[in-house]
Amino acid sequence: MKVGAVVLAAGSATRFGGGKLAAELDGRPIVRHVLDAARAAALDPIVIVIPPNDALAGVDLSPATPVVNPTPQEGLSSSVRLGLRALEADADRVPEAAVILPADQPVIAPATIRALVEAAAASPDMAFVVARHAGDGAPNPVLARRSAWRLADELAGDRGFGPVLAAHPELVREVPVAGDNPDVDTPDDLERLRRPATTTGDAVVS
């Protein structure tokens, strides 16, 4: 099953004070952790939606194709739409599904992403496959089958596919995952992840 990725990296990071995704964790920018996880999970192609400024200037975004969101103030939903449209634009490489990855969740494990892909392959009638982390209940990342991408046109604000998943539970398969998948919203969030006690769990498909 060919699965691509949309990495959402166009937020303003006001709570962090700016420059969030370029801040380092274990010697790599936060966004680099997410891109490396997507690559390790063999997602291809990878699109990264970035802001119309230089917030990520100098950060290696390979192998992702950058797409600028000219209106990031419209919220996460606008970046989801732009990213999916970018995947559709290359007719020769359009994947069967896409994993939507927030760029500020640097502890996401390749094993979790692979579990979503495996669950999607085993559940062809499910439009969405969602990781559900046992520790914090985080419902990310989300795998969206191509047949469901049109639903992105219904999205608004900063919640991504969340409202669609809530409205159509019959289209969703959840994959239980051990551990947490925290957002980095503030400098304190980043400091917590820098502590040696921070660990992540492996995904388990049921």
N, C-alpha and C. Protein backbone atom coordinates (compact mmCIF):
# COMPACT_ATOMS: atom_id res chain seq x y z
N MET A 1 0.84 -1.19 0.00
CA MET A 1 0.00 0.00 0.00
C MET A 1 0.88 1.24 0.00
N LYS A 2 0.68 2.11 -0.99
CA LYS A 2 1.50 3.32 -1.11
C LYS A 2 0.88 4.43 -0.26
N VAL A 3 1.63 4.91 0.70
CA VAL A 3 1.13 5.92 1.64
C VAL A 3 2.11 7.09 1.70
N GLY A 4 1.58 8.29 1.55
CA GLY A 4 2.39 9.49 1.66
C GLY A 4 2.19 10.16 3.00
N ALA A 5 2.68 11.39 3.11
CA ALA A 5 2.57 12.13 4.37
C ALA A 5 2.34 13.60 4.11
N VAL A 6 1.57 14.22 4.99
CA VAL A 6 1.44 15.68 5.03
C VAL A 6 1.90 16.11 6.42
N VAL A 7 2.99 16.84 6.47
CA VAL A 7 3.53 17.35 7.73
C VAL A 7 3.07 18.79 7.89
N LEU A 8 2.40 19.07 8.99
CA LEU A 8 1.80 20.38 9.22
C LEU A 8 2.76 21.26 10.02
N ALA A 9 3.37 22.24 9.35
CA ALA A 9 4.42 23.05 9.97
C ALA A 9 4.24 24.53 9.74
N ALA A 10 2.98 24.98 9.54
CA ALA A 10 2.75 26.39 9.19
C ALA A 10 2.25 27.23 10.35
N GLY A 11 2.17 26.67 11.55
CA GLY A 11 1.66 27.42 12.70
C GLY A 11 2.57 28.56 13.12
N SER A 12 1.99 29.52 13.81
CA SER A 12 2.75 30.71 14.20
C SER A 12 3.60 30.51 15.45
N ALA A 13 3.31 29.48 16.24
CA ALA A 13 4.08 29.16 17.45
C ALA A 13 4.14 30.33 18.42
N THR A 14 3.02 31.04 18.58
CA THR A 14 3.02 32.21 19.46
C THR A 14 3.25 31.84 20.92
N ARG A 15 2.72 30.70 21.36
CA ARG A 15 2.90 30.29 22.77
C ARG A 15 4.35 29.93 23.06
N PHE A 16 5.09 29.54 22.02
CA PHE A 16 6.49 29.19 22.19
C PHE A 16 7.38 30.43 22.14
N GLY A 17 6.85 31.48 21.50
CA GLY A 17 7.64 32.69 21.31
C GLY A 17 8.31 32.74 19.95
N GLY A 18 7.85 31.88 19.02
CA GLY A 18 8.42 31.84 17.68
C GLY A 18 9.58 30.87 17.58
N GLY A 19 9.82 30.41 16.36
CA GLY A 19 10.95 29.53 16.10
C GLY A 19 10.84 28.15 16.69
N LYS A 20 9.63 27.71 17.00
CA LYS A 20 9.45 26.44 17.70
C LYS A 20 10.01 25.25 16.94
N LEU A 21 9.65 25.11 15.68
CA LEU A 21 9.99 23.89 14.95
C LEU A 21 11.47 23.79 14.63
N ALA A 22 12.18 24.92 14.71
CA ALA A 22 13.63 24.90 14.52
C ALA A 22 14.38 24.68 15.82
N ALA A 23 13.68 24.75 16.95
CA ALA A 23 14.32 24.50 18.25
C ALA A 23 14.80 23.06 18.31
N GLU A 24 15.92 22.83 18.99
CA GLU A 24 16.53 21.50 18.97
C GLU A 24 16.10 20.62 20.13
N LEU A 25 15.94 19.37 19.81
CA LEU A 25 15.71 18.30 20.77
C LEU A 25 16.66 17.17 20.42
N ASP A 26 17.53 16.81 21.34
CA ASP A 26 18.52 15.76 21.09
C ASP A 26 19.34 16.03 19.84
N GLY A 27 19.70 17.30 19.64
CA GLY A 27 20.60 17.66 18.56
C GLY A 27 19.96 17.83 17.19
N ARG A 28 18.65 17.73 17.12
CA ARG A 28 17.95 17.91 15.84
C ARG A 28 16.77 18.86 16.04
N PRO A 29 16.44 19.65 15.00
CA PRO A 29 15.25 20.49 15.11
C PRO A 29 14.00 19.63 15.33
N ILE A 30 13.03 20.17 16.03
CA ILE A 30 11.79 19.44 16.31
C ILE A 30 11.18 18.88 15.03
N VAL A 31 11.09 19.72 13.99
CA VAL A 31 10.47 19.26 12.75
C VAL A 31 11.27 18.13 12.11
N ARG A 32 12.58 18.12 12.33
CA ARG A 32 13.43 17.08 11.75
C ARG A 32 13.08 15.70 12.33
N HIS A 33 12.72 15.65 13.61
CA HIS A 33 12.32 14.40 14.23
C HIS A 33 11.10 13.81 13.51
N VAL A 34 10.14 14.67 13.19
CA VAL A 34 8.92 14.21 12.53
C VAL A 34 9.21 13.74 11.11
N LEU A 35 10.02 14.50 10.39
CA LEU A 35 10.39 14.11 9.03
C LEU A 35 11.17 12.80 9.02
N ASP A 36 12.07 12.64 9.98
CA ASP A 36 12.85 11.40 10.04
C ASP A 36 11.96 10.20 10.35
N ALA A 37 10.94 10.40 11.21
CA ALA A 37 10.01 9.32 11.52
C ALA A 37 9.21 8.93 10.28
N ALA A 38 8.77 9.93 9.52
CA ALA A 38 8.01 9.66 8.30
C ALA A 38 8.87 8.90 7.29
N ARG A 39 10.12 9.30 7.17
CA ARG A 39 11.02 8.62 6.23
C ARG A 39 11.31 7.21 6.70
N ALA A 40 11.55 7.03 7.99
CA ALA A 40 11.85 5.70 8.52
C ALA A 40 10.66 4.75 8.35
N ALA A 41 9.45 5.33 8.34
CA ALA A 41 8.25 4.51 8.15
C ALA A 41 7.93 4.29 6.67
N ALA A 42 8.83 4.76 5.79
CA ALA A 42 8.72 4.55 4.33
C ALA A 42 7.54 5.28 3.71
N LEU A 43 7.13 6.41 4.30
CA LEU A 43 6.08 7.22 3.68
C LEU A 43 6.67 7.96 2.48
N ASP A 44 5.93 7.97 1.38
CA ASP A 44 6.43 8.60 0.16
C ASP A 44 5.26 8.79 -0.81
N PRO A 45 5.12 10.01 -1.35
CA PRO A 45 5.90 11.22 -1.11
C PRO A 45 5.53 11.90 0.21
N ILE A 46 6.39 12.83 0.62
CA ILE A 46 6.16 13.60 1.83
C ILE A 46 6.04 15.07 1.45
N VAL A 47 4.96 15.71 1.88
CA VAL A 47 4.76 17.14 1.68
C VAL A 47 4.82 17.81 3.05
N ILE A 48 5.48 18.94 3.14
CA ILE A 48 5.48 19.70 4.39
C ILE A 48 4.91 21.08 4.11
N VAL A 49 3.88 21.46 4.85
CA VAL A 49 3.24 22.77 4.68
C VAL A 49 3.89 23.75 5.65
N ILE A 50 4.46 24.81 5.09
CA ILE A 50 5.26 25.75 5.87
C ILE A 50 4.64 27.16 5.81
N PRO A 51 5.03 28.05 6.74
CA PRO A 51 4.47 29.41 6.75
C PRO A 51 5.15 30.29 5.71
N PRO A 52 4.53 31.45 5.41
CA PRO A 52 5.10 32.36 4.40
C PRO A 52 6.16 33.29 5.00
N ASN A 53 7.01 32.74 5.83
CA ASN A 53 8.10 33.53 6.40
C ASN A 53 9.34 32.63 6.46
N ASP A 54 10.37 33.10 7.11
CA ASP A 54 11.63 32.34 7.14
C ASP A 54 11.80 31.54 8.43
N ALA A 55 10.70 31.16 9.07
CA ALA A 55 10.79 30.46 10.35
C ALA A 55 11.58 29.16 10.24
N LEU A 56 11.57 28.53 9.07
CA LEU A 56 12.29 27.27 8.89
C LEU A 56 13.49 27.43 7.95
N ALA A 57 13.89 28.65 7.72
CA ALA A 57 15.06 28.89 6.87
C ALA A 57 16.29 28.22 7.50
N GLY A 58 17.03 27.51 6.69
CA GLY A 58 18.23 26.85 7.18
C GLY A 58 17.99 25.47 7.76
N VAL A 59 16.72 25.06 7.90
CA VAL A 59 16.42 23.72 8.41
C VAL A 59 16.29 22.76 7.23
N ASP A 60 16.97 21.64 7.31
CA ASP A 60 16.90 20.62 6.26
C ASP A 60 15.52 19.97 6.30
N LEU A 61 14.74 20.15 5.25
CA LEU A 61 13.39 19.59 5.18
C LEU A 61 13.31 18.38 4.26
N SER A 62 14.45 17.90 3.76
CA SER A 62 14.44 16.75 2.87
C SER A 62 13.96 15.50 3.62
N PRO A 63 13.30 14.58 2.94
CA PRO A 63 12.99 14.54 1.51
C PRO A 63 11.64 15.17 1.18
N ALA A 64 11.12 16.00 2.07
CA ALA A 64 9.78 16.55 1.87
C ALA A 64 9.79 17.66 0.80
N THR A 65 8.66 17.81 0.17
CA THR A 65 8.42 18.92 -0.76
C THR A 65 7.70 20.03 0.00
N PRO A 66 8.33 21.21 0.13
CA PRO A 66 7.68 22.29 0.88
C PRO A 66 6.53 22.92 0.07
N VAL A 67 5.45 23.21 0.76
CA VAL A 67 4.30 23.91 0.19
C VAL A 67 3.98 25.06 1.14
N VAL A 68 3.95 26.28 0.64
CA VAL A 68 3.71 27.46 1.48
C VAL A 68 2.21 27.66 1.68
N ASN A 69 1.82 27.81 2.94
CA ASN A 69 0.46 28.20 3.26
C ASN A 69 0.44 29.72 3.39
N PRO A 70 -0.18 30.43 2.45
CA PRO A 70 -0.15 31.89 2.50
C PRO A 70 -1.04 32.48 3.58
N THR A 71 -1.95 31.66 4.12
CA THR A 71 -2.88 32.17 5.14
C THR A 71 -2.92 31.21 6.34
N PRO A 72 -1.80 31.04 7.03
CA PRO A 72 -1.78 30.10 8.16
C PRO A 72 -2.71 30.52 9.30
N GLN A 73 -3.09 31.80 9.33
CA GLN A 73 -4.00 32.26 10.37
C GLN A 73 -5.38 31.63 10.25
N GLU A 74 -5.67 30.99 9.13
CA GLU A 74 -6.95 30.29 8.97
C GLU A 74 -6.98 28.97 9.72
N GLY A 75 -5.84 28.58 10.27
CA GLY A 75 -5.81 27.40 11.11
C GLY A 75 -5.28 26.15 10.43
N LEU A 76 -5.17 25.10 11.24
CA LEU A 76 -4.63 23.82 10.80
C LEU A 76 -5.37 23.27 9.59
N SER A 77 -6.67 23.50 9.53
CA SER A 77 -7.47 22.95 8.44
C SER A 77 -6.98 23.41 7.07
N SER A 78 -6.55 24.65 6.98
CA SER A 78 -6.07 25.16 5.69
C SER A 78 -4.80 24.44 5.26
N SER A 79 -3.95 24.10 6.21
CA SER A 79 -2.72 23.37 5.89
C SER A 79 -3.02 21.93 5.46
N VAL A 80 -4.01 21.31 6.11
CA VAL A 80 -4.40 19.96 5.71
C VAL A 80 -4.85 19.96 4.25
N ARG A 81 -5.71 20.91 3.89
CA ARG A 81 -6.21 20.98 2.51
C ARG A 81 -5.07 21.20 1.52
N LEU A 82 -4.19 22.14 1.82
CA LEU A 82 -3.08 22.43 0.92
C LEU A 82 -2.16 21.22 0.74
N GLY A 83 -1.89 20.54 1.85
CA GLY A 83 -1.01 19.38 1.76
C GLY A 83 -1.59 18.25 0.93
N LEU A 84 -2.87 17.97 1.12
CA LEU A 84 -3.51 16.90 0.34
C LEU A 84 -3.60 17.27 -1.13
N ARG A 85 -3.89 18.54 -1.42
CA ARG A 85 -3.92 18.97 -2.82
C ARG A 85 -2.54 18.85 -3.47
N ALA A 86 -1.50 19.12 -2.70
CA ALA A 86 -0.15 18.98 -3.23
C ALA A 86 0.16 17.52 -3.56
N LEU A 87 -0.30 16.59 -2.72
CA LEU A 87 -0.10 15.18 -3.02
C LEU A 87 -0.84 14.77 -4.28
N GLU A 88 -2.01 15.34 -4.49
CA GLU A 88 -2.80 15.00 -5.68
C GLU A 88 -2.25 15.62 -6.95
N ALA A 89 -1.45 16.66 -6.81
CA ALA A 89 -1.00 17.41 -7.97
C ALA A 89 -0.06 16.62 -8.88
N ASP A 90 0.69 15.69 -8.30
CA ASP A 90 1.62 14.86 -9.08
C ASP A 90 0.90 13.56 -9.42
N ALA A 91 0.29 13.51 -10.59
CA ALA A 91 -0.55 12.38 -10.96
C ALA A 91 0.19 11.06 -10.95
N ASP A 92 1.50 11.09 -11.19
CA ASP A 92 2.28 9.85 -11.26
C ASP A 92 2.65 9.31 -9.89
N ARG A 93 2.49 10.12 -8.84
CA ARG A 93 2.95 9.69 -7.51
C ARG A 93 1.86 9.78 -6.45
N VAL A 94 0.62 9.93 -6.84
CA VAL A 94 -0.45 10.08 -5.84
C VAL A 94 -0.58 8.80 -5.03
N PRO A 95 -0.45 8.88 -3.71
CA PRO A 95 -0.55 7.68 -2.87
C PRO A 95 -2.00 7.29 -2.63
N GLU A 96 -2.17 6.08 -2.12
CA GLU A 96 -3.51 5.58 -1.79
C GLU A 96 -4.05 6.21 -0.51
N ALA A 97 -3.16 6.71 0.32
CA ALA A 97 -3.54 7.31 1.60
C ALA A 97 -2.43 8.26 2.02
N ALA A 98 -2.75 9.09 3.02
CA ALA A 98 -1.76 10.02 3.56
C ALA A 98 -1.85 10.02 5.08
N VAL A 99 -0.69 10.05 5.72
CA VAL A 99 -0.63 10.21 7.17
C VAL A 99 -0.43 11.69 7.47
N ILE A 100 -1.34 12.25 8.28
CA ILE A 100 -1.27 13.66 8.65
C ILE A 100 -0.46 13.77 9.93
N LEU A 101 0.67 14.44 9.86
CA LEU A 101 1.62 14.50 10.97
C LEU A 101 1.84 15.93 11.45
N PRO A 102 1.37 16.29 12.64
CA PRO A 102 1.72 17.60 13.20
C PRO A 102 3.23 17.69 13.42
N ALA A 103 3.82 18.78 12.99
CA ALA A 103 5.27 18.92 13.06
C ALA A 103 5.78 19.20 14.45
N ASP A 104 4.87 19.44 15.40
CA ASP A 104 5.32 19.74 16.77
C ASP A 104 5.12 18.56 17.72
N GLN A 105 5.13 17.34 17.16
CA GLN A 105 5.04 16.12 17.96
C GLN A 105 6.29 15.26 17.68
N PRO A 106 7.43 15.68 18.24
CA PRO A 106 8.71 15.09 17.84
C PRO A 106 8.98 13.68 18.36
N VAL A 107 8.15 13.16 19.28
CA VAL A 107 8.43 11.81 19.77
C VAL A 107 7.61 10.76 19.03
N ILE A 108 6.93 11.15 17.96
CA ILE A 108 6.18 10.17 17.19
C ILE A 108 7.13 9.08 16.68
N ALA A 109 6.74 7.83 16.86
CA ALA A 109 7.62 6.71 16.53
C ALA A 109 7.31 6.16 15.14
N PRO A 110 8.33 5.81 14.36
CA PRO A 110 8.07 5.15 13.08
C PRO A 110 7.19 3.91 13.22
N ALA A 111 7.34 3.18 14.34
CA ALA A 111 6.52 1.98 14.55
C ALA A 111 5.04 2.33 14.62
N THR A 112 4.71 3.48 15.20
CA THR A 112 3.32 3.92 15.27
C THR A 112 2.78 4.19 13.87
N ILE A 113 3.57 4.88 13.06
CA ILE A 113 3.15 5.19 11.69
C ILE A 113 2.97 3.90 10.89
N ARG A 114 3.93 2.98 11.04
CA ARG A 114 3.81 1.71 10.31
C ARG A 114 2.56 0.94 10.75
N ALA A 115 2.21 1.02 12.03
CA ALA A 115 1.02 0.33 12.52
C ALA A 115 -0.24 0.88 11.87
N LEU A 116 -0.28 2.20 11.65
CA LEU A 116 -1.42 2.80 10.96
C LEU A 116 -1.54 2.28 9.53
N VAL A 117 -0.40 2.21 8.85
CA VAL A 117 -0.40 1.72 7.47
C VAL A 117 -0.86 0.26 7.41
N GLU A 118 -0.35 -0.55 8.33
CA GLU A 118 -0.74 -1.96 8.36
C GLU A 118 -2.23 -2.11 8.65
N ALA A 119 -2.75 -1.28 9.57
CA ALA A 119 -4.17 -1.34 9.90
C ALA A 119 -5.03 -0.91 8.72
N ALA A 120 -4.57 0.10 7.99
CA ALA A 120 -5.31 0.55 6.81
C ALA A 120 -5.34 -0.53 5.74
N ALA A 121 -4.22 -1.19 5.54
CA ALA A 121 -4.17 -2.26 4.54
C ALA A 121 -5.10 -3.41 4.91
N ALA A 122 -5.26 -3.65 6.21
CA ALA A 122 -6.11 -4.74 6.68
C ALA A 122 -7.57 -4.35 6.80
N SER A 123 -7.85 -3.04 6.66
CA SER A 123 -9.23 -2.54 6.83
C SER A 123 -9.58 -1.63 5.65
N PRO A 124 -9.73 -2.18 4.45
CA PRO A 124 -9.94 -1.34 3.27
C PRO A 124 -11.25 -0.56 3.28
N ASP A 125 -12.20 -0.94 4.16
CA ASP A 125 -13.47 -0.23 4.23
C ASP A 125 -13.42 0.97 5.17
N MET A 126 -12.30 1.17 5.83
CA MET A 126 -12.16 2.29 6.76
C MET A 126 -11.47 3.47 6.06
N ALA A 127 -12.13 4.63 6.10
CA ALA A 127 -11.56 5.82 5.46
C ALA A 127 -10.43 6.42 6.26
N PHE A 128 -10.47 6.21 7.59
CA PHE A 128 -9.46 6.79 8.47
C PHE A 128 -8.94 5.74 9.44
N VAL A 129 -7.66 5.84 9.76
CA VAL A 129 -7.06 5.05 10.83
C VAL A 129 -6.34 6.03 11.75
N VAL A 130 -6.64 5.93 13.04
CA VAL A 130 -6.16 6.91 14.01
C VAL A 130 -5.39 6.22 15.12
N ALA A 131 -4.22 6.75 15.46
CA ALA A 131 -3.49 6.25 16.63
C ALA A 131 -4.14 6.81 17.89
N ARG A 132 -4.31 5.96 18.89
CA ARG A 132 -4.83 6.41 20.18
C ARG A 132 -3.82 6.06 21.26
N HIS A 133 -3.11 7.07 21.75
CA HIS A 133 -2.04 6.84 22.73
C HIS A 133 -2.62 6.62 24.12
N ALA A 134 -2.19 5.55 24.76
CA ALA A 134 -2.74 5.16 26.05
C ALA A 134 -2.42 6.18 27.14
N GLY A 135 -1.25 6.78 27.07
CA GLY A 135 -0.82 7.66 28.15
C GLY A 135 -1.58 8.97 28.21
N ASP A 136 -1.71 9.65 27.06
CA ASP A 136 -2.34 10.97 27.05
C ASP A 136 -3.59 11.05 26.18
N GLY A 137 -3.97 9.92 25.58
CA GLY A 137 -5.17 9.90 24.74
C GLY A 137 -5.02 10.63 23.43
N ALA A 138 -3.79 11.01 23.08
CA ALA A 138 -3.58 11.80 21.86
C ALA A 138 -4.06 11.03 20.62
N PRO A 139 -4.91 11.67 19.79
CA PRO A 139 -5.46 11.00 18.61
C PRO A 139 -4.67 11.30 17.34
N ASN A 140 -3.37 11.31 17.44
CA ASN A 140 -2.52 11.58 16.29
C ASN A 140 -1.40 10.55 16.22
N PRO A 141 -0.92 10.29 15.00
CA PRO A 141 -1.36 10.86 13.73
C PRO A 141 -2.63 10.20 13.19
N VAL A 142 -3.12 10.76 12.09
CA VAL A 142 -4.31 10.25 11.40
C VAL A 142 -3.92 9.83 10.00
N LEU A 143 -4.31 8.64 9.61
CA LEU A 143 -4.15 8.20 8.22
C LEU A 143 -5.50 8.39 7.52
N ALA A 144 -5.49 9.10 6.40
CA ALA A 144 -6.70 9.35 5.62
C ALA A 144 -6.55 8.69 4.25
N ARG A 145 -7.46 7.78 3.95
CA ARG A 145 -7.45 7.16 2.63
C ARG A 145 -7.83 8.20 1.57
N ARG A 146 -7.32 8.03 0.37
CA ARG A 146 -7.53 9.04 -0.67
C ARG A 146 -9.02 9.31 -0.91
N SER A 147 -9.86 8.32 -0.79
CA SER A 147 -11.29 8.50 -1.01
C SER A 147 -11.90 9.49 -0.02
N ALA A 148 -11.22 9.74 1.10
CA ALA A 148 -11.74 10.65 2.12
C ALA A 148 -11.12 12.04 2.06
N TRP A 149 -10.16 12.26 1.17
CA TRP A 149 -9.49 13.55 1.13
C TRP A 149 -10.46 14.69 0.82
N ARG A 150 -11.52 14.40 0.06
CA ARG A 150 -12.49 15.44 -0.28
C ARG A 150 -13.14 16.02 0.98
N LEU A 151 -13.16 15.23 2.06
CA LEU A 151 -13.76 15.72 3.30
C LEU A 151 -12.97 16.86 3.92
N ALA A 152 -11.74 17.05 3.46
CA ALA A 152 -10.93 18.16 3.96
C ALA A 152 -11.55 19.50 3.61
N ASP A 153 -12.39 19.52 2.56
CA ASP A 153 -13.04 20.77 2.18
C ASP A 153 -14.05 21.22 3.23
N GLU A 154 -14.47 20.31 4.13
CA GLU A 154 -15.43 20.64 5.17
C GLU A 154 -14.74 21.17 6.44
N LEU A 155 -13.41 21.14 6.47
CA LEU A 155 -12.70 21.50 7.68
C LEU A 155 -12.62 23.02 7.85
N ALA A 156 -12.58 23.44 9.08
CA ALA A 156 -12.42 24.86 9.38
C ALA A 156 -11.67 25.00 10.70
N GLY A 157 -10.94 26.09 10.83
CA GLY A 157 -10.27 26.37 12.09
C GLY A 157 -9.04 25.52 12.34
N ASP A 158 -8.79 25.21 13.61
CA ASP A 158 -7.51 24.63 14.02
C ASP A 158 -7.61 23.18 14.47
N ARG A 159 -8.64 22.44 14.03
CA ARG A 159 -8.82 21.09 14.54
C ARG A 159 -8.54 19.98 13.54
N GLY A 160 -8.15 20.31 12.33
CA GLY A 160 -7.84 19.27 11.37
C GLY A 160 -9.03 18.37 11.11
N PHE A 161 -8.77 17.06 11.01
CA PHE A 161 -9.84 16.10 10.71
C PHE A 161 -10.67 15.73 11.95
N GLY A 162 -10.34 16.27 13.11
CA GLY A 162 -11.04 15.89 14.34
C GLY A 162 -12.55 15.91 14.25
N PRO A 163 -13.17 17.02 13.81
CA PRO A 163 -14.63 17.06 13.72
C PRO A 163 -15.21 16.03 12.76
N VAL A 164 -14.52 15.76 11.66
CA VAL A 164 -14.99 14.76 10.69
C VAL A 164 -14.97 13.37 11.32
N LEU A 165 -13.91 13.06 12.04
CA LEU A 165 -13.81 11.75 12.69
C LEU A 165 -14.90 11.58 13.74
N ALA A 166 -15.19 12.65 14.47
CA ALA A 166 -16.23 12.58 15.50
C ALA A 166 -17.61 12.39 14.87
N ALA A 167 -17.82 12.98 13.70
CA ALA A 167 -19.12 12.90 13.04
C ALA A 167 -19.33 11.58 12.31
N HIS A 168 -18.24 10.90 11.97
CA HIS A 168 -18.34 9.66 11.19
C HIS A 168 -17.52 8.53 11.83
N PRO A 169 -17.87 8.12 13.05
CA PRO A 169 -17.10 7.07 13.71
C PRO A 169 -17.11 5.74 12.96
N GLU A 170 -18.12 5.55 12.13
CA GLU A 170 -18.19 4.31 11.37
C GLU A 170 -17.11 4.20 10.30
N LEU A 171 -16.45 5.31 10.02
CA LEU A 171 -15.39 5.34 9.01
C LEU A 171 -14.00 5.26 9.62
N VAL A 172 -13.94 5.11 10.95
CA VAL A 172 -12.66 5.24 11.67
C VAL A 172 -12.27 3.94 12.36
N ARG A 173 -11.02 3.55 12.19
CA ARG A 173 -10.43 2.47 13.00
C ARG A 173 -9.37 3.08 13.89
N GLU A 174 -9.41 2.75 15.16
CA GLU A 174 -8.39 3.23 16.09
C GLU A 174 -7.34 2.16 16.34
N VAL A 175 -6.10 2.60 16.42
CA VAL A 175 -4.98 1.72 16.72
C VAL A 175 -4.44 2.09 18.10
N PRO A 176 -4.55 1.22 19.09
CA PRO A 176 -4.03 1.54 20.43
C PRO A 176 -2.51 1.57 20.44
N VAL A 177 -1.96 2.59 21.06
CA VAL A 177 -0.51 2.79 21.10
C VAL A 177 -0.10 3.07 22.53
N ALA A 178 0.97 2.43 22.99
CA ALA A 178 1.48 2.68 24.33
C ALA A 178 2.16 4.05 24.40
N GLY A 179 2.21 4.60 25.61
CA GLY A 179 2.95 5.84 25.83
C GLY A 179 2.18 7.09 25.47
N ASP A 180 2.92 8.19 25.30
CA ASP A 180 2.35 9.51 25.02
C ASP A 180 2.84 10.01 23.66
N ASN A 181 2.13 11.02 23.15
CA ASN A 181 2.58 11.71 21.93
C ASN A 181 2.32 13.20 22.11
N PRO A 182 3.11 13.85 22.97
CA PRO A 182 2.81 15.24 23.35
C PRO A 182 3.14 16.26 22.27
N ASP A 183 2.34 17.33 22.25
CA ASP A 183 2.67 18.51 21.44
C ASP A 183 3.75 19.30 22.17
N VAL A 184 4.57 20.00 21.41
CA VAL A 184 5.46 21.01 21.97
C VAL A 184 4.84 22.36 21.67
N ASP A 185 4.18 22.95 22.65
CA ASP A 185 3.53 24.24 22.47
C ASP A 185 4.29 25.38 23.15
N THR A 186 5.02 25.05 24.21
CA THR A 186 5.73 26.07 25.00
C THR A 186 7.16 25.62 25.25
N PRO A 187 8.05 26.54 25.65
CA PRO A 187 9.41 26.14 26.03
C PRO A 187 9.41 25.10 27.15
N ASP A 188 8.46 25.18 28.08
CA ASP A 188 8.39 24.19 29.16
C ASP A 188 8.09 22.79 28.62
N ASP A 189 7.23 22.71 27.59
CA ASP A 189 6.95 21.41 26.96
C ASP A 189 8.24 20.80 26.40
N LEU A 190 9.04 21.62 25.76
CA LEU A 190 10.29 21.13 25.20
C LEU A 190 11.25 20.69 26.29
N GLU A 191 11.33 21.43 27.38
CA GLU A 191 12.21 21.05 28.48
C GLU A 191 11.81 19.70 29.08
N ARG A 192 10.51 19.45 29.15
CA ARG A 192 10.06 18.15 29.68
C ARG A 192 10.53 17.00 28.78
N LEU A 193 10.53 17.22 27.48
CA LEU A 193 10.97 16.17 26.57
C LEU A 193 12.48 15.97 26.63
N ARG A 194 13.20 17.00 27.05
CA ARG A 194 14.66 16.89 27.14
C ARG A 194 15.12 16.11 28.36
N ARG A 195 14.22 15.86 29.30
CA ARG A 195 14.60 15.13 30.50
C ARG A 195 14.84 13.66 30.16
N PRO A 196 15.84 13.03 30.79
CA PRO A 196 16.19 11.63 30.47
C PRO A 196 15.03 10.65 30.68
N ALA A 197 14.09 10.99 31.57
CA ALA A 197 13.01 10.05 31.88
C ALA A 197 11.98 9.95 30.77
N THR A 198 12.02 10.87 29.77
CA THR A 198 11.04 10.85 28.70
C THR A 198 11.22 9.61 27.84
N THR A 199 10.16 8.84 27.67
CA THR A 199 10.20 7.64 26.84
C THR A 199 8.98 7.59 25.95
N THR A 200 9.04 6.77 24.92
CA THR A 200 7.90 6.54 24.04
C THR A 200 7.65 5.06 23.96
N GLY A 201 6.42 4.69 23.61
CA GLY A 201 6.06 3.27 23.51
C GLY A 201 5.94 2.82 22.08
N ASP A 202 5.85 1.51 21.90
CA ASP A 202 5.67 0.95 20.57
C ASP A 202 4.19 0.80 20.28
N ALA A 203 3.86 0.86 19.00
CA ALA A 203 2.47 0.71 18.61
C ALA A 203 2.07 -0.76 18.63
N VAL A 204 0.80 -1.00 18.97
CA VAL A 204 0.26 -2.35 18.98
C VAL A 204 -1.06 -2.32 18.25
N VAL A 205 -1.19 -3.08 17.18
CA VAL A 205 -2.44 -3.14 16.44
C VAL A 205 -3.33 -4.20 17.02
N SER A 206 -4.61 -3.88 17.20
CA SER A 206 -5.55 -4.87 17.70
C SER A 206 -6.68 -5.04 16.69
